[in-house]
C-alpha atoms as a PDB file:
ATOM      1  CA  MET A   1     -33.563 -22.278 -13.418  1.00  0.00           C
ATOM      2  CA  LYS A   2     -33.214 -23.328  -9.768  1.00  0.00           C
ATOM      3  CA  ILE A   3     -31.275 -20.630  -7.964  1.00  0.00           C
ATOM      4  CA  LEU A   4     -29.906 -20.583  -4.424  1.00  0.00           C
ATOM      5  CA  ILE A   5     -29.250 -17.118  -2.979  1.00  0.00           C
ATOM      6  CA  THR A   6     -27.374 -16.837   0.279  1.00  0.00           C
ATOM      7  CA  GLY A   7     -28.024 -13.573   2.086  1.00  0.00           C
ATOM      8  CA  GLY A   8     -31.130 -13.143  -0.038  1.00  0.00           C
ATOM      9  CA  ALA A   9     -33.014 -11.110   2.587  1.00  0.00           C
ATOM     10  CA  GLY A  10     -30.382  -8.377   2.669  1.00  0.00           C
ATOM     11  CA  TYR A  11     -29.845  -5.054   0.921  1.00  0.00           C
ATOM     12  CA  LEU A  12     -29.258  -6.453  -2.590  1.00  0.00           C
ATOM     13  CA  GLY A  13     -31.000  -9.777  -2.161  1.00  0.00           C
ATOM     14  CA  SER A  14     -34.351  -8.187  -1.380  1.00  0.00           C
ATOM     15  CA  ILE A  15     -34.155  -6.373  -4.736  1.00  0.00           C
ATOM     16  CA  LEU A  16     -32.822  -9.355  -6.677  1.00  0.00           C
ATOM     17  CA  VAL A  17     -35.216 -12.051  -5.435  1.00  0.00           C
ATOM     18  CA  PRO A  18     -38.392 -10.441  -6.862  1.00  0.00           C
ATOM     19  CA  GLN A  19     -36.618  -9.898 -10.198  1.00  0.00           C
ATOM     20  CA  LEU A  20     -35.684 -13.572 -10.442  1.00  0.00           C
ATOM     21  CA  LEU A  21     -39.184 -14.677  -9.489  1.00  0.00           C
ATOM     22  CA  ALA A  22     -40.627 -12.392 -12.170  1.00  0.00           C
ATOM     23  CA  ARG A  23     -38.482 -14.263 -14.720  1.00  0.00           C
ATOM     24  CA  GLY A  24     -39.984 -17.556 -13.603  1.00  0.00           C
ATOM     25  CA  ASP A  25     -36.926 -18.894 -11.762  1.00  0.00           C
ATOM     26  CA  GLU A  26     -37.329 -21.143  -8.725  1.00  0.00           C
ATOM     27  CA  VAL A  27     -35.540 -19.348  -5.897  1.00  0.00           C
ATOM     28  CA  THR A  28     -34.323 -20.596  -2.532  1.00  0.00           C
ATOM     29  CA  VAL A  29     -33.168 -17.925  -0.083  1.00  0.00           C
ATOM     30  CA  TYR A  30     -30.784 -19.191   2.587  1.00  0.00           C
ATOM     31  CA  ASP A  31     -30.266 -16.420   5.123  1.00  0.00           C
ATOM     32  CA  SER A  32     -29.570 -16.022   8.825  1.00  0.00           C
ATOM     33  CA  LEU A  33     -32.358 -13.401   8.848  1.00  0.00           C
ATOM     34  CA  MET A  34     -30.160 -11.174  10.979  1.00  0.00           C
ATOM     35  CA  TRP A  35     -32.328  -8.241   9.906  1.00  0.00           C
ATOM     36  CA  GLY A  36     -35.620 -10.162   9.924  1.00  0.00           C
ATOM     37  CA  ILE A  37     -37.914 -11.519   7.236  1.00  0.00           C
ATOM     38  CA  HIS A  38     -39.711  -8.251   6.432  1.00  0.00           C
ATOM     39  CA  PRO A  39     -37.553  -7.382   3.370  1.00  0.00           C
ATOM     40  CA  LEU A  40     -39.041 -10.415   1.598  1.00  0.00           C
ATOM     41  CA  LEU A  41     -42.590 -10.382   2.973  1.00  0.00           C
ATOM     42  CA  HIS A  42     -43.927  -8.821  -0.221  1.00  0.00           C
ATOM     43  CA  VAL A  43     -42.919 -11.940  -2.208  1.00  0.00           C
ATOM     44  CA  ALA A  44     -43.057 -14.612   0.505  1.00  0.00           C
ATOM     45  CA  SER A  45     -46.344 -16.067  -0.794  1.00  0.00           C
ATOM     46  CA  ASN A  46     -44.889 -16.771  -4.241  1.00  0.00           C
ATOM     47  CA  PRO A  47     -44.949 -20.572  -4.744  1.00  0.00           C
ATOM     48  CA  LYS A  48     -41.612 -20.441  -6.558  1.00  0.00           C
ATOM     49  CA  LEU A  49     -39.866 -18.987  -3.476  1.00  0.00           C
ATOM     50  CA  THR A  50     -38.511 -21.012  -0.559  1.00  0.00           C
ATOM     51  CA  ILE A  51     -37.047 -19.143   2.426  1.00  0.00           C
ATOM     52  CA  ILE A  52     -34.793 -21.052   4.811  1.00  0.00           C
ATOM     53  CA  LYS A  53     -33.318 -19.567   7.954  1.00  0.00           C
ATOM     54  CA  GLY A  54     -29.766 -20.855   8.191  1.00  0.00           C
ATOM     55  CA  ASP A  55     -26.069 -20.094   8.402  1.00  0.00           C
ATOM     56  CA  VAL A  56     -23.611 -20.629   5.532  1.00  0.00           C
ATOM     57  CA  ARG A  57     -21.161 -21.974   8.121  1.00  0.00           C
ATOM     58  CA  ASP A  58     -23.485 -24.956   8.721  1.00  0.00           C
ATOM     59  CA  GLU A  59     -21.724 -27.072   6.119  1.00  0.00           C
ATOM     60  CA  GLY A  60     -24.051 -30.066   6.274  1.00  0.00           C
ATOM     61  CA  ARG A  61     -27.178 -28.043   5.665  1.00  0.00           C
ATOM     62  CA  TYR A  62     -25.600 -25.618   3.232  1.00  0.00           C
ATOM     63  CA  GLY A  63     -23.862 -28.356   1.258  1.00  0.00           C
ATOM     64  CA  ALA A  64     -27.126 -30.259   0.767  1.00  0.00           C
ATOM     65  CA  LEU A  65     -28.746 -27.114  -0.656  1.00  0.00           C
ATOM     66  CA  ILE A  66     -25.843 -26.367  -3.013  1.00  0.00           C
ATOM     67  CA  ALA A  67     -26.252 -29.744  -4.679  1.00  0.00           C
ATOM     68  CA  LYS A  68     -29.918 -29.083  -5.546  1.00  0.00           C
ATOM     69  CA  HIS A  69     -29.494 -25.889  -7.549  1.00  0.00           C
ATOM     70  CA  ASP A  70     -28.345 -24.846 -11.017  1.00  0.00           C
ATOM     71  CA  ALA A  71     -26.857 -21.565  -9.815  1.00  0.00           C
ATOM     72  CA  ILE A  72     -25.614 -20.237  -6.482  1.00  0.00           C
ATOM     73  CA  ILE A  73     -25.519 -16.492  -5.896  1.00  0.00           C
ATOM     74  CA  ASN A  74     -23.473 -15.765  -2.791  1.00  0.00           C
ATOM     75  CA  LEU A  75     -24.492 -12.494  -1.143  1.00  0.00           C
ATOM     76  CA  ALA A  76     -24.021 -13.677   2.448  1.00  0.00           C
ATOM     77  CA  ALA A  77     -21.341 -11.575   4.113  1.00  0.00           C
ATOM     78  CA  ILE A  78     -20.368  -9.252   6.898  1.00  0.00           C
ATOM     79  CA  VAL A  79     -20.316  -6.163   4.705  1.00  0.00           C
ATOM     80  CA  GLY A  80     -18.172  -3.078   5.044  1.00  0.00           C
ATOM     81  CA  PHE A  81     -15.101  -1.937   6.932  1.00  0.00           C
ATOM     82  CA  PRO A  82     -16.796  -1.050  10.261  1.00  0.00           C
ATOM     83  CA  ALA A  83     -18.877  -4.236  10.546  1.00  0.00           C
ATOM     84  CA  CYS A  84     -15.879  -6.463   9.797  1.00  0.00           C
ATOM     85  CA  ALA A  85     -13.700  -4.580  12.274  1.00  0.00           C
ATOM     86  CA  GLU A  86     -16.342  -5.135  14.949  1.00  0.00           C
ATOM     87  CA  LYS A  87     -16.847  -8.839  14.129  1.00  0.00           C
ATOM     88  CA  PRO A  88     -13.527 -10.090  12.708  1.00  0.00           C
ATOM     89  CA  LEU A  89     -14.175 -13.784  13.361  1.00  0.00           C
ATOM     90  CA  ASP A  90     -17.560 -13.663  11.658  1.00  0.00           C
ATOM     91  CA  ALA A  91     -15.989 -11.720   8.802  1.00  0.00           C
ATOM     92  CA  ARG A  92     -13.412 -14.432   8.140  1.00  0.00           C
ATOM     93  CA  THR A  93     -15.696 -17.410   8.591  1.00  0.00           C
ATOM     94  CA  ILE A  94     -18.624 -16.015   6.574  1.00  0.00           C
ATOM     95  CA  ASN A  95     -16.827 -13.904   3.963  1.00  0.00           C
ATOM     96  CA  LEU A  96     -14.028 -16.383   3.296  1.00  0.00           C
ATOM     97  CA  ASP A  97     -14.329 -19.846   4.861  1.00  0.00           C
ATOM     98  CA  ALA A  98     -17.917 -20.360   3.686  1.00  0.00           C
ATOM     99  CA  VAL A  99     -16.946 -19.313   0.160  1.00  0.00           C
ATOM    100  CA  ARG A 100     -14.074 -21.777   0.148  1.00  0.00           C
ATOM    101  CA  PHE A 101     -16.590 -24.450   1.152  1.00  0.00           C
ATOM    102  CA  LEU A 102     -18.834 -23.382  -1.715  1.00  0.00           C
ATOM    103  CA  GLY A 103     -15.923 -23.707  -4.117  1.00  0.00           C
ATOM    104  CA  GLN A 104     -15.077 -27.178  -2.821  1.00  0.00           C
ATOM    105  CA  THR A 105     -18.686 -28.380  -2.885  1.00  0.00           C
ATOM    106  CA  ALA A 106     -20.064 -27.003  -6.154  1.00  0.00           C
ATOM    107  CA  SER A 107     -20.023 -29.275  -9.182  1.00  0.00           C
ATOM    108  CA  PRO A 108     -18.480 -28.207 -12.519  1.00  0.00           C
ATOM    109  CA  GLY A 109     -21.865 -27.638 -14.163  1.00  0.00           C
ATOM    110  CA  GLN A 110     -23.150 -25.172 -11.584  1.00  0.00           C
ATOM    111  CA  MET A 111     -23.041 -21.403 -12.016  1.00  0.00           C
ATOM    112  CA  LEU A 112     -21.381 -19.449  -9.192  1.00  0.00           C
ATOM    113  CA  ILE A 113     -21.851 -15.695  -8.768  1.00  0.00           C
ATOM    114  CA  GLN A 114     -19.912 -14.081  -5.919  1.00  0.00           C
ATOM    115  CA  ALA A 115     -20.644 -10.613  -4.550  1.00  0.00           C
ATOM    116  CA  SER A 116     -17.169  -9.115  -4.337  1.00  0.00           C
ATOM    117  CA  THR A 117     -16.187  -5.460  -4.019  1.00  0.00           C
ATOM    118  CA  GLY A 118     -14.021  -2.681  -5.368  1.00  0.00           C
ATOM    119  CA  SER A 119     -12.646  -2.499  -1.826  1.00  0.00           C
ATOM    120  CA  THR A 120     -10.221  -5.205  -2.935  1.00  0.00           C
ATOM    121  CA  TYR A 121      -8.239  -2.487  -4.779  1.00  0.00           C
ATOM    122  CA  GLY A 122      -7.441  -0.469  -1.656  1.00  0.00           C
ATOM    123  CA  GLN A 123      -5.282   2.499  -2.654  1.00  0.00           C
ATOM    124  CA  VAL A 124      -4.265   2.683  -6.314  1.00  0.00           C
ATOM    125  CA  ASP A 125      -2.737   5.463  -8.403  1.00  0.00           C
ATOM    126  CA  GLY A 126      -4.408   5.806 -11.777  1.00  0.00           C
ATOM    127  CA  VAL A 127      -7.403   3.777 -12.954  1.00  0.00           C
ATOM    128  CA  CYS A 128      -8.097   0.206 -11.819  1.00  0.00           C
ATOM    129  CA  THR A 129      -8.922  -2.538 -14.286  1.00  0.00           C
ATOM    130  CA  GLU A 130      -9.556  -6.151 -13.377  1.00  0.00           C
ATOM    131  CA  ASP A 131      -5.859  -6.794 -14.101  1.00  0.00           C
ATOM    132  CA  THR A 132      -4.701  -4.214 -11.537  1.00  0.00           C
ATOM    133  CA  PRO A 133      -3.030  -5.985  -8.588  1.00  0.00           C
ATOM    134  CA  ILE A 134      -5.469  -5.916  -5.694  1.00  0.00           C
ATOM    135  CA  ASN A 135      -4.238  -4.317  -2.493  1.00  0.00           C
ATOM    136  CA  PRO A 136      -6.974  -4.353   0.193  1.00  0.00           C
ATOM    137  CA  VAL A 137      -6.526  -2.021   3.160  1.00  0.00           C
ATOM    138  CA  SER A 138      -9.193  -3.465   5.461  1.00  0.00           C
ATOM    139  CA  LEU A 139     -10.314  -6.840   6.776  1.00  0.00           C
ATOM    140  CA  TYR A 140     -13.421  -6.532   4.618  1.00  0.00           C
ATOM    141  CA  GLY A 141     -11.320  -6.016   1.497  1.00  0.00           C
ATOM    142  CA  GLU A 142      -8.939  -8.818   2.472  1.00  0.00           C
ATOM    143  CA  THR A 143     -11.655 -11.420   2.996  1.00  0.00           C
ATOM    144  CA  LYS A 144     -13.436 -10.465  -0.206  1.00  0.00           C
ATOM    145  CA  ALA A 145     -10.200 -10.530  -2.218  1.00  0.00           C
ATOM    146  CA  GLU A 146      -9.239 -13.988  -0.948  1.00  0.00           C
ATOM    147  CA  ALA A 147     -12.772 -15.289  -1.508  1.00  0.00           C
ATOM    148  CA  GLU A 148     -12.538 -14.618  -5.234  1.00  0.00           C
ATOM    149  CA  LYS A 149     -10.020 -17.430  -5.756  1.00  0.00           C
ATOM    150  CA  PRO A 150     -12.283 -20.438  -4.997  1.00  0.00           C
ATOM    151  CA  ILE A 151     -14.979 -18.925  -7.211  1.00  0.00           C
ATOM    152  CA  LEU A 152     -12.578 -18.320 -10.103  1.00  0.00           C
ATOM    153  CA  ASP A 153     -11.080 -21.803  -9.687  1.00  0.00           C
ATOM    154  CA  ASN A 154     -14.595 -23.174 -10.335  1.00  0.00           C
ATOM    155  CA  GLY A 155     -15.115 -20.994 -13.379  1.00  0.00           C
ATOM    156  CA  GLY A 156     -17.410 -18.650 -11.438  1.00  0.00           C
ATOM    157  CA  VAL A 157     -17.866 -14.886 -11.610  1.00  0.00           C
ATOM    158  CA  PRO A 158     -16.800 -12.508  -8.828  1.00  0.00           C
ATOM    159  CA  LEU A 159     -18.559  -9.154  -9.252  1.00  0.00           C
ATOM    160  CA  ARG A 160     -16.495  -6.294  -7.843  1.00  0.00           C
ATOM    161  CA  PHE A 161     -19.280  -3.866  -7.026  1.00  0.00           C
ATOM    162  CA  ALA A 162     -18.680  -0.168  -6.755  1.00  0.00           C
ATOM    163  CA  THR A 163     -19.948   1.378  -3.507  1.00  0.00           C
ATOM    164  CA  VAL A 164     -23.666   0.760  -3.721  1.00  0.00           C
ATOM    165  CA  PHE A 165     -26.247   3.392  -2.795  1.00  0.00           C
ATOM    166  CA  GLY A 166     -29.986   3.885  -3.108  1.00  0.00           C
ATOM    167  CA  ASN A 167     -33.223   2.384  -1.896  1.00  0.00           C
ATOM    168  CA  SER A 168     -33.986  -1.229  -0.963  1.00  0.00           C
ATOM    169  CA  PRO A 169     -36.591  -3.100   1.095  1.00  0.00           C
ATOM    170  CA  ARG A 170     -33.678  -3.533   3.547  1.00  0.00           C
ATOM    171  CA  ILE A 171     -32.194  -0.088   3.119  1.00  0.00           C
ATOM    172  CA  ARG A 172     -28.785   0.573   4.673  1.00  0.00           C
ATOM    173  CA  LEU A 173     -27.796   3.878   6.252  1.00  0.00           C
ATOM    174  CA  ASP A 174     -24.105   3.016   6.633  1.00  0.00           C
ATOM    175  CA  LEU A 175     -23.299   3.396   2.915  1.00  0.00           C
ATOM    176  CA  LEU A 176     -21.541   6.667   2.089  1.00  0.00           C
ATOM    177  CA  ILE A 177     -24.144   8.388  -0.094  1.00  0.00           C
ATOM    178  CA  ASN A 178     -27.075   7.035   1.926  1.00  0.00           C
ATOM    179  CA  ASP A 179     -25.363   8.200   5.126  1.00  0.00           C
ATOM    180  CA  ILE A 180     -24.684  11.712   3.846  1.00  0.00           C
ATOM    181  CA  VAL A 181     -28.244  12.165   2.600  1.00  0.00           C
ATOM    182  CA  TYR A 182     -29.693  10.861   5.871  1.00  0.00           C
ATOM    183  CA  GLN A 183     -27.615  13.261   7.956  1.00  0.00           C
ATOM    184  CA  VAL A 184     -28.339  16.167   5.612  1.00  0.00           C
ATOM    185  CA  VAL A 185     -32.086  15.581   5.823  1.00  0.00           C
ATOM    186  CA  HIS A 186     -32.301  15.105   9.582  1.00  0.00           C
ATOM    187  CA  TYR A 187     -29.403  17.161  10.970  1.00  0.00           C
ATOM    188  CA  ARG A 188     -28.546  19.652   8.191  1.00  0.00           C
ATOM    189  CA  ASN A 189     -24.821  18.995   8.560  1.00  0.00           C
ATOM    190  CA  PHE A 190     -22.120  16.491   7.676  1.00  0.00           C
ATOM    191  CA  VAL A 191     -18.499  16.154   8.804  1.00  0.00           C
ATOM    192  CA  MET A 192     -16.226  15.027   5.977  1.00  0.00           C
ATOM    193  CA  PHE A 193     -12.951  13.223   6.659  1.00  0.00           C
ATOM    194  CA  GLU A 194     -10.388  12.976   3.847  1.00  0.00           C
ATOM    195  CA  GLY A 195     -12.709  14.316   1.181  1.00  0.00           C
ATOM    196  CA  HIS A 196     -10.019  13.934  -1.487  1.00  0.00           C
ATOM    197  CA  ALA A 197     -10.318  10.119  -1.423  1.00  0.00           C
ATOM    198  CA  ARG A 198     -11.727   8.687  -4.653  1.00  0.00           C
ATOM    199  CA  ARG A 199     -14.681   6.336  -4.689  1.00  0.00           C
ATOM    200  CA  THR A 200     -16.903   4.848  -7.363  1.00  0.00           C
ATOM    201  CA  PHE A 201     -20.654   4.273  -7.028  1.00  0.00           C
ATOM    202  CA  LEU A 202     -23.488   2.060  -8.269  1.00  0.00           C
ATOM    203  CA  HIS A 203     -27.219   2.185  -7.638  1.00  0.00           C
ATOM    204  CA  SER A 204     -28.704  -0.787  -5.789  1.00  0.00           C
ATOM    205  CA  THR A 205     -31.056  -1.728  -8.643  1.00  0.00           C
ATOM    206  CA  ASP A 206     -28.132  -1.817 -11.086  1.00  0.00           C
ATOM    207  CA  ALA A 207     -26.135  -3.997  -8.707  1.00  0.00           C
ATOM    208  CA  ALA A 208     -29.004  -6.499  -8.688  1.00  0.00           C
ATOM    209  CA  LYS A 209     -29.386  -6.187 -12.464  1.00  0.00           C
ATOM    210  CA  SER A 210     -25.705  -7.084 -12.928  1.00  0.00           C
ATOM    211  CA  VAL A 211     -26.233 -10.410 -11.148  1.00  0.00           C
ATOM    212  CA  ILE A 212     -28.989 -11.402 -13.564  1.00  0.00           C
ATOM    213  CA  PHE A 213     -26.847 -10.150 -16.440  1.00  0.00           C
ATOM    214  CA  SER A 214     -24.041 -12.448 -15.253  1.00  0.00           C
ATOM    215  CA  LEU A 215     -26.359 -15.470 -15.197  1.00  0.00           C
ATOM    216  CA  ASP A 216     -27.558 -14.681 -18.716  1.00  0.00           C
ATOM    217  CA  ASN A 217     -24.004 -14.178 -20.016  1.00  0.00           C
ATOM    218  CA  TYR A 218     -22.237 -16.828 -17.964  1.00  0.00           C
ATOM    219  CA  ASP A 219     -20.630 -18.444 -21.010  1.00  0.00           C
ATOM    220  CA  GLN A 220     -18.727 -15.214 -21.722  1.00  0.00           C
ATOM    221  CA  MET A 221     -18.093 -14.176 -18.122  1.00  0.00           C
ATOM    222  CA  GLY A 222     -17.280 -17.419 -16.311  1.00  0.00           C
ATOM    223  CA  GLY A 223     -13.788 -17.613 -14.859  1.00  0.00           C
ATOM    224  CA  LEU A 224     -13.176 -13.843 -14.795  1.00  0.00           C
ATOM    225  CA  PRO A 225     -13.717 -11.066 -12.232  1.00  0.00           C
ATOM    226  CA  PHE A 226     -15.747  -8.052 -13.345  1.00  0.00           C
ATOM    227  CA  ASN A 227     -15.835  -4.511 -12.035  1.00  0.00           C
ATOM    228  CA  VAL A 228     -19.478  -3.436 -11.841  1.00  0.00           C
ATOM    229  CA  GLY A 229     -20.307   0.245 -12.068  1.00  0.00           C
ATOM    230  CA  ASP A 230     -20.011   3.168 -14.442  1.00  0.00           C
ATOM    231  CA  GLU A 231     -17.169   5.605 -15.094  1.00  0.00           C
ATOM    232  CA  THR A 232     -19.612   8.522 -14.826  1.00  0.00           C
ATOM    233  CA  MET A 233     -19.871   7.729 -11.112  1.00  0.00           C
ATOM    234  CA  ASN A 234     -16.172   7.945 -10.258  1.00  0.00           C
ATOM    235  CA  TYR A 235     -16.042  10.815  -7.722  1.00  0.00           C
ATOM    236  CA  THR A 236     -14.142  11.997  -4.684  1.00  0.00           C
ATOM    237  CA  LYS A 237     -16.025  11.936  -1.416  1.00  0.00           C
ATOM    238  CA  LEU A 238     -16.022  15.743  -1.340  1.00  0.00           C
ATOM    239  CA  GLU A 239     -17.495  15.930  -4.846  1.00  0.00           C
ATOM    240  CA  ILE A 240     -20.364  13.696  -3.751  1.00  0.00           C
ATOM    241  CA  ALA A 241     -21.022  15.907  -0.721  1.00  0.00           C
ATOM    242  CA  GLU A 242     -21.025  19.008  -2.940  1.00  0.00           C
ATOM    243  CA  ILE A 243     -23.478  17.441  -5.412  1.00  0.00           C
ATOM    244  CA  ILE A 244     -25.852  16.697  -2.524  1.00  0.00           C
ATOM    245  CA  LYS A 245     -25.332  20.245  -1.208  1.00  0.00           C
ATOM    246  CA  GLY A 246     -26.471  21.564  -4.594  1.00  0.00           C
ATOM    247  CA  LYS A 247     -29.776  19.721  -4.118  1.00  0.00           C
ATOM    248  CA  GLN A 248     -30.355  20.471  -0.436  1.00  0.00           C
ATOM    249  CA  ASP A 249     -28.306  23.043   1.443  1.00  0.00           C
ATOM    250  CA  TYR A 250     -26.521  22.022   4.624  1.00  0.00           C
ATOM    251  CA  TYR A 251     -23.382  22.741   6.619  1.00  0.00           C
ATOM    252  CA  LEU A 252     -20.498  20.716   5.218  1.00  0.00           C
ATOM    253  CA  HIS A 253     -17.492  20.677   7.508  1.00  0.00           C
ATOM    254  CA  GLY A 254     -14.130  19.460   6.259  1.00  0.00           C
ATOM    255  CA  ALA A 255     -12.471  17.978   9.335  1.00  0.00           C
ATOM    256  CA  GLU A 256      -8.935  19.211   9.936  1.00  0.00           C
ATOM    257  CA  PHE A 257      -8.254  16.551  12.555  1.00  0.00           C
ATOM    258  CA  GLY A 258      -9.084  12.870  12.687  1.00  0.00           C
ATOM    259  CA  GLU A 259      -9.200  10.415   9.835  1.00  0.00           C
ATOM    260  CA  ASP A 260     -11.375   8.057   7.872  1.00  0.00           C
ATOM    261  CA  LYS A 261     -10.109   4.625   8.901  1.00  0.00           C
ATOM    262  CA  ASP A 262     -11.397   3.225   5.621  1.00  0.00           C
ATOM    263  CA  LYS A 263      -8.354   4.136   3.519  1.00  0.00           C
ATOM    264  CA  ARG A 264      -9.694   3.217   0.083  1.00  0.00           C
ATOM    265  CA  ASP A 265      -8.739   5.582  -2.710  1.00  0.00           C
ATOM    266  CA  TYR A 266      -9.177   4.439  -6.310  1.00  0.00           C
ATOM    267  CA  GLU A 267     -10.797   5.095  -9.671  1.00  0.00           C
ATOM    268  CA  VAL A 268     -12.194   2.216 -11.714  1.00  0.00           C
ATOM    269  CA  SER A 269     -12.640   1.222 -15.360  1.00  0.00           C
ATOM    270  CA  TYR A 270     -15.753  -0.749 -16.276  1.00  0.00           C
ATOM    271  CA  ASP A 271     -14.785  -1.575 -19.856  1.00  0.00           C
ATOM    272  CA  ARG A 272     -14.766  -5.349 -19.346  1.00  0.00           C
ATOM    273  CA  ILE A 273     -18.420  -5.680 -18.340  1.00  0.00           C
ATOM    274  CA  LYS A 274     -19.489  -2.941 -20.766  1.00  0.00           C
ATOM    275  CA  ASN A 275     -17.888  -4.922 -23.588  1.00  0.00           C
ATOM    276  CA  VAL A 276     -20.151  -7.851 -22.710  1.00  0.00           C
ATOM    277  CA  GLY A 277     -23.147  -5.510 -22.834  1.00  0.00           C
ATOM    278  CA  PHE A 278     -23.902  -4.316 -19.308  1.00  0.00           C
ATOM    279  CA  ARG A 279     -24.781  -0.671 -18.672  1.00  0.00           C
ATOM    280  CA  ALA A 280     -25.825   0.985 -15.432  1.00  0.00           C
ATOM    281  CA  SER A 281     -29.236   2.588 -15.833  1.00  0.00           C
ATOM    282  CA  VAL A 282     -29.635   4.815 -12.741  1.00  0.00           C
ATOM    283  CA  SER A 283     -27.533   7.975 -12.644  1.00  0.00           C
ATOM    284  CA  LEU A 284     -26.016   9.519  -9.540  1.00  0.00           C
ATOM    285  CA  ASP A 285     -28.480  12.422  -9.690  1.00  0.00           C
ATOM    286  CA  GLU A 286     -31.472  10.103  -9.998  1.00  0.00           C
ATOM    287  CA  GLY A 287     -30.302   7.991  -7.070  1.00  0.00           C
ATOM    288  CA  ILE A 288     -29.671  10.998  -4.825  1.00  0.00           C
ATOM    289  CA  ASP A 289     -33.067  12.511  -5.721  1.00  0.00           C
ATOM    290  CA  GLU A 290     -34.667   9.190  -4.769  1.00  0.00           C
ATOM    291  CA  LEU A 291     -32.928   9.238  -1.384  1.00  0.00           C
ATOM    292  CA  LEU A 292     -33.941  12.842  -0.745  1.00  0.00           C
ATOM    293  CA  ARG A 293     -37.564  11.752  -1.157  1.00  0.00           C
ATOM    294  CA  ILE A 294     -37.173   8.706   1.100  1.00  0.00           C
ATOM    295  CA  MET A 295     -34.962   9.884   3.965  1.00  0.00           C
ATOM    296  CA  PRO A 296     -37.455  12.351   5.487  1.00  0.00           C
ATOM    297  CA  LEU A 297     -39.717   9.335   6.079  1.00  0.00           C
ATOM    298  CA  LEU A 298     -36.981   7.379   7.889  1.00  0.00           C
ATOM    299  CA  LYS A 299     -35.811   8.268  11.361  1.00  0.00           C
ATOM    300  CA  GLU A 300     -33.632   6.208  13.644  1.00  0.00           C
ATOM    301  CA  SER A 301     -35.170   6.106  17.094  1.00  0.00           C
ATOM    302  CA  SER A 302     -33.791   5.329  20.533  1.00  0.00           C
ATOM    303  CA  PRO A 303     -35.633   4.417  23.761  1.00  0.00           C
ATOM    304  CA  MET A 304     -33.158   6.768  25.491  1.00  0.00           C
ATOM    305  CA  ARG A 305     -34.625   9.809  23.706  1.00  0.00           C
ATOM    306  CA  ASN A 306     -37.997  11.488  24.060  1.00  0.00           C
ATOM    307  CA  ILE A 307     -38.024  12.476  20.366  1.00  0.00           C
END
């Protein structure tokens, strides 16, 4: 299969690309390389991989690539509440406008997989299913929610990922569990805002696995959104912090003042994708243990510090 992956050098893409190459697929990565090429250097010599530096807002170049591929996996995005708040124009043009262009340009026979998010649910009482009305509470959630429509209109598959955590060749430290573990390892403390808020989690390798699963089961999944995660990883933020504290002691401070501006609060059902046959394989404990091994080897540096 000829597969085009936008954002393929990012957190999930750098896990997914080697998996697709191992299957024998021909893969084209189209990425702005905002974070550099190093996440894909370990597979860059593979003759079945083409890496193109480009922007999904360049419609002429992007449109020509879309037409040449059997499947398009759209991972390109400004990801997360803080990044979108800092770059609102980029968030709308990349997360939404470029996806609308994809929907308008793709032909009926092409497979479309869209990286969406559970952030589309916002704040919901009870348990969210794919039929729960979405109610995003951030620009990130809004753009991702609106971007599902052009994919669904083309019979594509939006994957509403739980909050992803874990290792990657382009590891992120802004994700909740990754952030807590990093601060625990290096500073031995963490300040928790609104610890009662519910979240749901998914390991990075399982997020990548779900994309391949969607390609392999496109006949059953096309035209529907799917929550991607596992009910065993529905937790409050405070529960996550306590689980980490049980593995490595640190000072956990529940802030009495201030707030988490990311107001998401929801629990999610994953029955729809489980009924097709998908199961997450990495548990919360396994993923946290992995991070506790990795984070001591990572340290953010600054030219303003002597350490």
